[in-house]
Amino acid sequence: MQQAEHDARNQMAELCASLYARRFSVGTAGNVPARLEDGILMTPANATLGGIHPEEIAKIDRSGNHVSGGKPAKEVFLHQAFYETWPQAGVVVHLHSTWATALSCLEDTDPDDCIPR
């Protein structure tokens, strides 16, 4: 493992724990990918951001193949598309805040206009 990947894994675990501790993510909601020269690091599927260990973080190559670590979050295709569209981006934080999650669960939410005015 290259030093840059090792450092990125450690930073991701630390920052994910911080997001979880500040209640930006609850349960297993949300994920964080980071771009590497040879692929993407991705938080593992069904993981709580507060308890991710660096070696559990999934690595995906540029073709989308799982290379190492745990099974990647199912949204990996979304983040691959994001990085292809925004080549200058290095990290994406994809969270499901408590309030946004609660709003999405309401029975009377209009799927075509879900933001109250």
Protein backbone atom coordinates (compact mmCIF):
# COMPACT_ATOMS: atom_id res chain seq x y z
CA MET A 1 0.00 0.00 0.00
CA GLN A 2 1.36 3.41 -0.95
CA GLN A 3 1.87 6.06 1.72
CA ALA A 4 -0.77 8.36 0.16
CA GLU A 5 -3.39 5.61 0.38
CA HIS A 6 -2.37 4.73 3.94
CA ASP A 7 -2.67 8.39 4.98
CA ALA A 8 -6.02 8.80 3.19
CA ARG A 9 -7.45 5.74 4.95
CA ASN A 10 -6.40 7.10 8.35
CA GLN A 11 -7.80 10.57 7.60
CA MET A 12 -11.08 9.10 6.35
CA ALA A 13 -11.55 7.00 9.49
CA GLU A 14 -10.82 10.00 11.69
CA LEU A 15 -13.11 12.38 9.79
CA CYS A 16 -15.94 9.82 9.58
CA ALA A 17 -15.76 9.38 13.35
CA SER A 18 -15.95 13.17 13.75
CA LEU A 19 -19.02 13.41 11.50
CA TYR A 20 -20.70 10.65 13.47
CA ALA A 21 -19.79 12.16 16.84
CA ARG A 22 -21.35 15.46 15.75
CA ARG A 23 -24.52 13.58 14.71
CA PHE A 24 -24.29 14.42 11.02
CA SER A 25 -24.82 10.71 10.39
CA VAL A 26 -26.87 8.21 12.38
CA GLY A 27 -26.86 4.44 12.21
CA THR A 28 -25.37 3.27 8.93
CA ALA A 29 -26.58 6.26 6.89
CA GLY A 30 -24.17 8.03 4.59
CA ASN A 31 -20.77 7.31 3.10
CA VAL A 32 -17.53 9.05 2.26
CA PRO A 33 -15.39 8.30 -0.79
CA ALA A 34 -11.97 9.81 -1.54
CA ARG A 35 -10.19 9.89 -4.88
CA LEU A 36 -6.79 8.29 -5.26
CA GLU A 37 -4.53 8.34 -8.32
CA ASP A 38 -5.44 4.72 -9.04
CA GLY A 39 -9.07 4.59 -7.88
CA ILE A 40 -11.42 5.48 -5.05
CA LEU A 41 -11.49 4.72 -1.34
CA MET A 42 -15.04 4.18 -0.10
CA THR A 43 -16.55 3.64 3.32
CA PRO A 44 -17.76 0.05 3.62
CA ALA A 45 -21.37 -1.05 3.15
CA ASN A 46 -23.58 -1.05 6.24
CA ALA A 47 -20.89 0.60 8.35
CA THR A 48 -21.45 3.13 11.08
CA LEU A 49 -19.24 6.12 10.30
CA GLY A 50 -18.31 6.29 13.98
CA GLY A 51 -16.57 2.93 13.98
CA ILE A 52 -14.72 2.57 10.69
CA HIS A 53 -11.18 1.24 10.86
CA PRO A 54 -8.75 2.29 8.11
CA GLU A 55 -8.17 -1.27 6.86
CA GLU A 56 -11.95 -1.81 6.44
CA ILE A 57 -12.26 1.03 3.93
CA ALA A 58 -12.93 -0.38 0.46
CA LYS A 59 -10.71 0.41 -2.50
CA ILE A 60 -12.23 0.49 -5.97
CA ASP A 61 -10.06 0.67 -9.10
CA ARG A 62 -10.83 3.06 -11.97
CA SER A 63 -12.97 0.39 -13.66
CA GLY A 64 -15.16 -0.04 -10.56
CA ASN A 65 -13.65 -3.34 -9.41
CA HIS A 66 -13.32 -4.00 -5.67
CA VAL A 67 -9.59 -4.25 -4.92
CA SER A 68 -9.30 -4.35 -1.11
CA GLY A 69 -10.99 -3.66 2.20
CA GLY A 70 -14.63 -4.30 3.01
CA LYS A 71 -17.49 -4.43 0.56
CA PRO A 72 -18.03 -0.87 -0.76
CA ALA A 73 -21.21 1.09 -0.15
CA LYS A 74 -23.81 0.53 -2.86
CA GLU A 75 -23.58 4.17 -3.99
CA VAL A 76 -20.09 3.70 -5.45
CA PHE A 77 -21.47 4.21 -8.99
CA LEU A 78 -22.85 7.59 -7.91
CA HIS A 79 -19.49 8.72 -6.60
CA GLN A 80 -17.64 7.42 -9.65
CA ALA A 81 -19.95 9.55 -11.80
CA PHE A 82 -19.37 12.53 -9.54
CA TYR A 83 -15.58 12.23 -9.84
CA GLU A 84 -15.85 11.84 -13.63
CA THR A 85 -17.99 14.98 -13.81
CA TRP A 86 -15.89 16.97 -11.33
CA PRO A 87 -12.26 15.90 -11.88
CA GLN A 88 -11.01 18.52 -9.41
CA ALA A 89 -12.96 16.96 -6.51
CA GLY A 90 -10.97 14.89 -4.04
CA VAL A 91 -13.54 13.87 -1.41
CA VAL A 92 -17.34 13.67 -1.30
CA VAL A 93 -19.32 13.60 1.94
CA HIS A 94 -22.71 11.95 1.36
CA LEU A 95 -24.82 12.10 4.50
CA HIS A 96 -28.43 11.54 5.43
CA SER A 97 -29.17 14.00 8.18
CA THR A 98 -31.79 13.09 10.76
CA TRP A 99 -34.18 15.78 9.49
CA ALA A 100 -33.83 14.89 5.82
CA THR A 101 -34.36 11.22 6.63
CA ALA A 102 -37.45 12.03 8.71
CA LEU A 103 -38.87 14.18 5.91
CA SER A 104 -38.43 11.36 3.40
CA CYS A 105 -40.44 9.01 5.64
CA LEU A 106 -43.58 11.16 5.86
CA GLU A 107 -46.57 9.54 4.18
CA ASP A 108 -47.93 12.80 2.74
CA THR A 109 -44.65 13.96 1.18
CA ASP A 110 -45.14 14.97 -2.43
CA PRO A 111 -42.31 13.23 -4.35
CA ASP A 112 -42.41 16.02 -6.97
CA ASP A 113 -42.19 18.83 -4.40
CA CYS A 114 -40.89 17.57 -1.05
CA ILE A 115 -39.45 20.81 0.34
CA PRO A 116 -42.03 22.80 2.33
CA ARG A 117 -42.20 26.50 1.47
